[in-house]
Amino acid sequence: QNATAISLINSMLNSDYANTKKRATVPKKWIDSGGSYTIKLQLTNFLNQYSQSSTSVTVTSVAKQPVVSIAGPKQVSKYRANAITLKAIGSVPLCGGVAAAAGAYTIEYTWKVYVGSIFQSTIKSVSKDPRYFKLRAYTLDANTVYTVYVTASLEGNTATSSVTLSLGSAGVVASI
């Protein structure tokens, strides 16, 4: 890490942000990619009592790293007669934990289905929207546990999430 930049950061934070009325922003040019920084804050009240806290931040070199999750529970139980619909929720976080505006980046989604460690290449989503994984009823086998993975890709960077899908068997139902 650049000692001059650290000194500039310390000076700026201690002189320009003597109170908590505004958010401190450190210029990007002073931050080293791959560097780790510990930020300490000490607050003192009018009685000269103080409290302090610190946090560590690691700066990654990947500017557009997507994150992805699958909406809903991580384990889903269904029957063969049920259609399956899963939705991927992808975003690209920016500094401060804020996600980029919707549509700012085009994230590509790839869905894969496994039984144990065996890829089920014949099971394909019928959805036209790549964010959704949809299967018609009776596509999957009863009494089988599937793991459905979604991978979000953006400019060579990827993130993955998964759901365990358990298909049970239903008894015979008579109707007149």
C-alpha atoms as a PDB file:
ATOM      1  CA  GLN A   1       0.000   0.000   0.000  1.00  0.00           C
ATOM      2  CA  ASN A   2       1.110   3.497  -0.802  1.00  0.00           C
ATOM      3  CA  ALA A   3       2.188   5.278   2.418  1.00  0.00           C
ATOM      4  CA  THR A   4       1.591   8.702   0.857  1.00  0.00           C
ATOM      5  CA  ALA A   5      -1.988   7.758  -0.061  1.00  0.00           C
ATOM      6  CA  ILE A   6      -2.620   6.424   3.465  1.00  0.00           C
ATOM      7  CA  SER A   7      -1.346   9.711   4.894  1.00  0.00           C
ATOM      8  CA  LEU A   8      -3.604  11.690   2.529  1.00  0.00           C
ATOM      9  CA  ILE A   9      -6.619   9.554   3.477  1.00  0.00           C
ATOM     10  CA  ASN A  10      -5.935  10.031   7.203  1.00  0.00           C
ATOM     11  CA  SER A  11      -5.512  13.795   6.797  1.00  0.00           C
ATOM     12  CA  MET A  12      -8.680  14.141   4.739  1.00  0.00           C
ATOM     13  CA  LEU A  13     -10.815  12.047   7.106  1.00  0.00           C
ATOM     14  CA  ASN A  14      -9.534  13.789  10.245  1.00  0.00           C
ATOM     15  CA  SER A  15      -9.853  17.345   8.890  1.00  0.00           C
ATOM     16  CA  ASP A  16     -12.817  17.291   6.484  1.00  0.00           C
ATOM     17  CA  TYR A  17     -15.015  14.974   8.543  1.00  0.00           C
ATOM     18  CA  ALA A  18     -14.672  16.231  12.101  1.00  0.00           C
ATOM     19  CA  ASN A  19     -18.374  15.468  12.662  1.00  0.00           C
ATOM     20  CA  THR A  20     -20.855  12.912  11.343  1.00  0.00           C
ATOM     21  CA  LYS A  21     -23.084  15.324   9.398  1.00  0.00           C
ATOM     22  CA  LYS A  22     -21.924  14.043   6.011  1.00  0.00           C
ATOM     23  CA  ARG A  23     -20.678  10.764   4.550  1.00  0.00           C
ATOM     24  CA  ALA A  24     -16.944  10.461   3.964  1.00  0.00           C
ATOM     25  CA  THR A  25     -15.858   9.457   0.467  1.00  0.00           C
ATOM     26  CA  VAL A  26     -12.250   8.572  -0.236  1.00  0.00           C
ATOM     27  CA  PRO A  27     -11.061   9.340  -3.789  1.00  0.00           C
ATOM     28  CA  LYS A  28     -10.573   6.230  -5.896  1.00  0.00           C
ATOM     29  CA  LYS A  29      -7.034   7.287  -6.871  1.00  0.00           C
ATOM     30  CA  TRP A  30      -5.900   6.821  -3.256  1.00  0.00           C
ATOM     31  CA  ILE A  31      -7.160   3.234  -2.988  1.00  0.00           C
ATOM     32  CA  ASP A  32      -4.996   0.289  -4.081  1.00  0.00           C
ATOM     33  CA  SER A  33      -6.743  -2.621  -5.778  1.00  0.00           C
ATOM     34  CA  GLY A  34      -6.253  -5.744  -3.664  1.00  0.00           C
ATOM     35  CA  GLY A  35      -5.402  -3.629  -0.625  1.00  0.00           C
ATOM     36  CA  SER A  36      -6.892  -4.062   2.840  1.00  0.00           C
ATOM     37  CA  TYR A  37      -7.793  -1.058   4.956  1.00  0.00           C
ATOM     38  CA  THR A  38      -8.843  -0.753   8.582  1.00  0.00           C
ATOM     39  CA  ILE A  39     -11.023   2.266   9.264  1.00  0.00           C
ATOM     40  CA  LYS A  40     -11.408   3.472  12.851  1.00  0.00           C
ATOM     41  CA  LEU A  41     -13.990   5.962  14.049  1.00  0.00           C
ATOM     42  CA  GLN A  42     -13.958   7.614  17.452  1.00  0.00           C
ATOM     43  CA  LEU A  43     -16.887   9.771  18.553  1.00  0.00           C
ATOM     44  CA  THR A  44     -16.623  12.127  21.531  1.00  0.00           C
ATOM     45  CA  ASN A  45     -19.596  13.850  23.159  1.00  0.00           C
ATOM     46  CA  PHE A  46     -19.748  17.202  24.987  1.00  0.00           C
ATOM     47  CA  LEU A  47     -18.927  15.447  28.302  1.00  0.00           C
ATOM     48  CA  ASN A  48     -15.670  14.249  26.729  1.00  0.00           C
ATOM     49  CA  GLN A  49     -16.846  10.645  26.804  1.00  0.00           C
ATOM     50  CA  TYR A  50     -16.026   8.624  23.729  1.00  0.00           C
ATOM     51  CA  SER A  51     -16.692   5.402  21.946  1.00  0.00           C
ATOM     52  CA  GLN A  52     -14.821   3.913  19.053  1.00  0.00           C
ATOM     53  CA  SER A  53     -15.345   1.254  16.440  1.00  0.00           C
ATOM     54  CA  SER A  54     -13.438  -0.117  13.485  1.00  0.00           C
ATOM     55  CA  THR A  55     -14.036  -2.107  10.344  1.00  0.00           C
ATOM     56  CA  SER A  56     -11.779  -3.684   7.743  1.00  0.00           C
ATOM     57  CA  VAL A  57     -12.333  -3.335   4.007  1.00  0.00           C
ATOM     58  CA  THR A  58     -10.619  -5.318   1.254  1.00  0.00           C
ATOM     59  CA  VAL A  59     -10.681  -3.750  -2.196  1.00  0.00           C
ATOM     60  CA  THR A  60     -11.101  -6.268  -4.996  1.00  0.00           C
ATOM     61  CA  SER A  61      -9.693  -5.856  -8.465  1.00  0.00           C
ATOM     62  CA  VAL A  62     -12.944  -7.054 -10.051  1.00  0.00           C
ATOM     63  CA  ALA A  63     -15.019  -4.011 -10.922  1.00  0.00           C
ATOM     64  CA  LYS A  64     -18.141  -5.793 -12.178  1.00  0.00           C
ATOM     65  CA  GLN A  65     -18.606  -8.898 -10.023  1.00  0.00           C
ATOM     66  CA  PRO A  66     -22.208 -10.114 -10.226  1.00  0.00           C
ATOM     67  CA  VAL A  67     -24.054 -11.658  -7.297  1.00  0.00           C
ATOM     68  CA  VAL A  68     -26.996 -14.018  -7.724  1.00  0.00           C
ATOM     69  CA  SER A  69     -29.567 -15.793  -5.594  1.00  0.00           C
ATOM     70  CA  ILE A  70     -32.654 -17.851  -6.311  1.00  0.00           C
ATOM     71  CA  ALA A  71     -35.865 -16.356  -4.918  1.00  0.00           C
ATOM     72  CA  GLY A  72     -37.550 -18.440  -2.232  1.00  0.00           C
ATOM     73  CA  PRO A  73     -36.384 -21.243   0.048  1.00  0.00           C
ATOM     74  CA  LYS A  74     -33.154 -23.197  -0.561  1.00  0.00           C
ATOM     75  CA  GLN A  75     -35.075 -26.481  -0.381  1.00  0.00           C
ATOM     76  CA  VAL A  76     -38.280 -27.040  -2.345  1.00  0.00           C
ATOM     77  CA  SER A  77     -40.566 -30.092  -2.244  1.00  0.00           C
ATOM     78  CA  LYS A  78     -42.834 -30.809  -5.205  1.00  0.00           C
ATOM     79  CA  TYR A  79     -44.662 -33.651  -6.961  1.00  0.00           C
ATOM     80  CA  ARG A  80     -44.264 -34.755 -10.593  1.00  0.00           C
ATOM     81  CA  ALA A  81     -47.656 -33.209 -11.379  1.00  0.00           C
ATOM     82  CA  ASN A  82     -46.392 -29.754 -10.325  1.00  0.00           C
ATOM     83  CA  ALA A  83     -44.841 -27.317 -12.772  1.00  0.00           C
ATOM     84  CA  ILE A  84     -41.544 -25.864 -11.525  1.00  0.00           C
ATOM     85  CA  THR A  85     -40.683 -22.157 -11.608  1.00  0.00           C
ATOM     86  CA  LEU A  86     -37.503 -20.674 -10.123  1.00  0.00           C
ATOM     87  CA  LYS A  87     -36.366 -17.061 -10.467  1.00  0.00           C
ATOM     88  CA  ALA A  88     -32.772 -15.827 -10.398  1.00  0.00           C
ATOM     89  CA  ILE A  89     -32.155 -12.445  -8.834  1.00  0.00           C
ATOM     90  CA  GLY A  90     -28.893 -10.996 -10.074  1.00  0.00           C
ATOM     91  CA  SER A  91     -27.229  -7.676  -9.457  1.00  0.00           C
ATOM     92  CA  VAL A  92     -23.888  -5.925  -9.614  1.00  0.00           C
ATOM     93  CA  PRO A  93     -22.998  -4.321  -6.288  1.00  0.00           C
ATOM     94  CA  LEU A  94     -21.197  -1.004  -6.269  1.00  0.00           C
ATOM     95  CA  CYS A  95     -19.264   0.599  -3.440  1.00  0.00           C
ATOM     96  CA  GLY A  96     -21.287   1.182  -0.303  1.00  0.00           C
ATOM     97  CA  GLY A  97     -23.267  -2.048  -0.771  1.00  0.00           C
ATOM     98  CA  VAL A  98     -25.599  -0.390  -3.282  1.00  0.00           C
ATOM     99  CA  ALA A  99     -26.599  -2.378  -6.377  1.00  0.00           C
ATOM    100  CA  ALA A 100     -26.230  -0.865  -9.831  1.00  0.00           C
ATOM    101  CA  ALA A 101     -29.440   0.477 -11.352  1.00  0.00           C
ATOM    102  CA  ALA A 102     -31.614  -2.159 -13.011  1.00  0.00           C
ATOM    103  CA  GLY A 103     -30.630  -2.481 -16.644  1.00  0.00           C
ATOM    104  CA  ALA A 104     -27.217  -0.850 -16.123  1.00  0.00           C
ATOM    105  CA  TYR A 105     -25.555  -4.190 -16.915  1.00  0.00           C
ATOM    106  CA  THR A 106     -26.686  -7.203 -18.901  1.00  0.00           C
ATOM    107  CA  ILE A 107     -26.184 -10.264 -16.742  1.00  0.00           C
ATOM    108  CA  GLU A 108     -26.311 -13.615 -18.539  1.00  0.00           C
ATOM    109  CA  TYR A 109     -27.919 -16.553 -16.715  1.00  0.00           C
ATOM    110  CA  THR A 110     -27.166 -20.254 -17.204  1.00  0.00           C
ATOM    111  CA  TRP A 111     -29.214 -22.975 -15.486  1.00  0.00           C
ATOM    112  CA  LYS A 112     -27.978 -26.545 -14.855  1.00  0.00           C
ATOM    113  CA  VAL A 113     -29.679 -29.493 -13.159  1.00  0.00           C
ATOM    114  CA  TYR A 114     -27.861 -32.286 -11.328  1.00  0.00           C
ATOM    115  CA  VAL A 115     -28.856 -35.522  -9.628  1.00  0.00           C
ATOM    116  CA  GLY A 116     -26.046 -36.070  -7.144  1.00  0.00           C
ATOM    117  CA  SER A 117     -22.931 -35.149  -9.130  1.00  0.00           C
ATOM    118  CA  ILE A 118     -24.377 -36.111 -12.514  1.00  0.00           C
ATOM    119  CA  PHE A 119     -25.328 -33.284 -14.861  1.00  0.00           C
ATOM    120  CA  GLN A 120     -28.784 -33.776 -16.411  1.00  0.00           C
ATOM    121  CA  SER A 121     -28.144 -32.300 -19.874  1.00  0.00           C
ATOM    122  CA  THR A 122     -31.615 -33.238 -21.172  1.00  0.00           C
ATOM    123  CA  ILE A 123     -33.453 -31.116 -18.581  1.00  0.00           C
ATOM    124  CA  LYS A 124     -33.883 -27.654 -20.085  1.00  0.00           C
ATOM    125  CA  SER A 125     -35.984 -24.693 -19.030  1.00  0.00           C
ATOM    126  CA  VAL A 126     -38.991 -23.819 -21.199  1.00  0.00           C
ATOM    127  CA  SER A 127     -38.839 -20.140 -20.178  1.00  0.00           C
ATOM    128  CA  LYS A 128     -37.976 -17.512 -22.770  1.00  0.00           C
ATOM    129  CA  ASP A 129     -36.699 -15.212 -20.018  1.00  0.00           C
ATOM    130  CA  PRO A 130     -33.251 -16.473 -18.900  1.00  0.00           C
ATOM    131  CA  ARG A 131     -33.865 -15.231 -15.350  1.00  0.00           C
ATOM    132  CA  TYR A 132     -36.515 -17.925 -14.951  1.00  0.00           C
ATOM    133  CA  PHE A 133     -36.108 -21.694 -14.858  1.00  0.00           C
ATOM    134  CA  LYS A 134     -39.419 -23.291 -15.792  1.00  0.00           C
ATOM    135  CA  LEU A 135     -40.335 -26.936 -16.269  1.00  0.00           C
ATOM    136  CA  ARG A 136     -43.681 -28.378 -17.252  1.00  0.00           C
ATOM    137  CA  ALA A 137     -45.401 -30.907 -15.004  1.00  0.00           C
ATOM    138  CA  TYR A 138     -44.127 -34.494 -15.344  1.00  0.00           C
ATOM    139  CA  THR A 139     -40.687 -33.401 -16.613  1.00  0.00           C
ATOM    140  CA  LEU A 140     -38.855 -34.655 -13.514  1.00  0.00           C
ATOM    141  CA  ASP A 141     -38.858 -38.134 -11.933  1.00  0.00           C
ATOM    142  CA  ALA A 142     -40.645 -38.858  -8.654  1.00  0.00           C
ATOM    143  CA  ASN A 143     -38.642 -39.854  -5.579  1.00  0.00           C
ATOM    144  CA  THR A 144     -35.589 -37.996  -6.851  1.00  0.00           C
ATOM    145  CA  VAL A 145     -33.576 -35.127  -5.395  1.00  0.00           C
ATOM    146  CA  TYR A 146     -32.335 -32.556  -7.901  1.00  0.00           C
ATOM    147  CA  THR A 147     -29.970 -29.637  -7.407  1.00  0.00           C
ATOM    148  CA  VAL A 148     -30.670 -26.703  -9.700  1.00  0.00           C
ATOM    149  CA  TYR A 149     -27.812 -24.236 -10.191  1.00  0.00           C
ATOM    150  CA  VAL A 150     -27.922 -20.797 -11.757  1.00  0.00           C
ATOM    151  CA  THR A 151     -24.754 -19.025 -12.817  1.00  0.00           C
ATOM    152  CA  ALA A 152     -24.775 -15.284 -13.427  1.00  0.00           C
ATOM    153  CA  SER A 153     -22.054 -14.037 -15.786  1.00  0.00           C
ATOM    154  CA  LEU A 154     -20.892 -10.533 -16.581  1.00  0.00           C
ATOM    155  CA  GLU A 155     -17.765  -9.790 -18.617  1.00  0.00           C
ATOM    156  CA  GLY A 156     -16.077 -13.050 -17.586  1.00  0.00           C
ATOM    157  CA  ASN A 157     -16.965 -12.784 -13.888  1.00  0.00           C
ATOM    158  CA  THR A 158     -19.409 -15.315 -12.440  1.00  0.00           C
ATOM    159  CA  ALA A 159     -21.491 -16.058  -9.363  1.00  0.00           C
ATOM    160  CA  THR A 160     -23.548 -19.176  -8.601  1.00  0.00           C
ATOM    161  CA  SER A 161     -26.535 -20.077  -6.442  1.00  0.00           C
ATOM    162  CA  SER A 162     -28.487 -23.304  -6.041  1.00  0.00           C
ATOM    163  CA  VAL A 163     -31.737 -24.829  -4.830  1.00  0.00           C
ATOM    164  CA  THR A 164     -32.414 -28.424  -3.780  1.00  0.00           C
ATOM    165  CA  LEU A 165     -35.582 -29.734  -5.398  1.00  0.00           C
ATOM    166  CA  SER A 166     -37.104 -32.900  -3.886  1.00  0.00           C
ATOM    167  CA  LEU A 167     -39.762 -34.666  -5.918  1.00  0.00           C
ATOM    168  CA  GLY A 168     -42.048 -36.916  -3.933  1.00  0.00           C
ATOM    169  CA  SER A 169     -44.628 -39.397  -5.089  1.00  0.00           C
ATOM    170  CA  ALA A 170     -48.353 -38.875  -4.710  1.00  0.00           C
ATOM    171  CA  GLY A 171     -50.853 -41.616  -4.051  1.00  0.00           C
ATOM    172  CA  VAL A 172     -53.620 -42.590  -6.421  1.00  0.00           C
ATOM    173  CA  VAL A 173     -56.651 -40.283  -6.346  1.00  0.00           C
ATOM    174  CA  ALA A 174     -60.030 -41.498  -7.629  1.00  0.00           C
ATOM    175  CA  SER A 175     -62.638 -39.075  -8.906  1.00  0.00           C
ATOM    176  CA  ILE A 176     -66.118 -39.551 -10.341  1.00  0.00           C
END
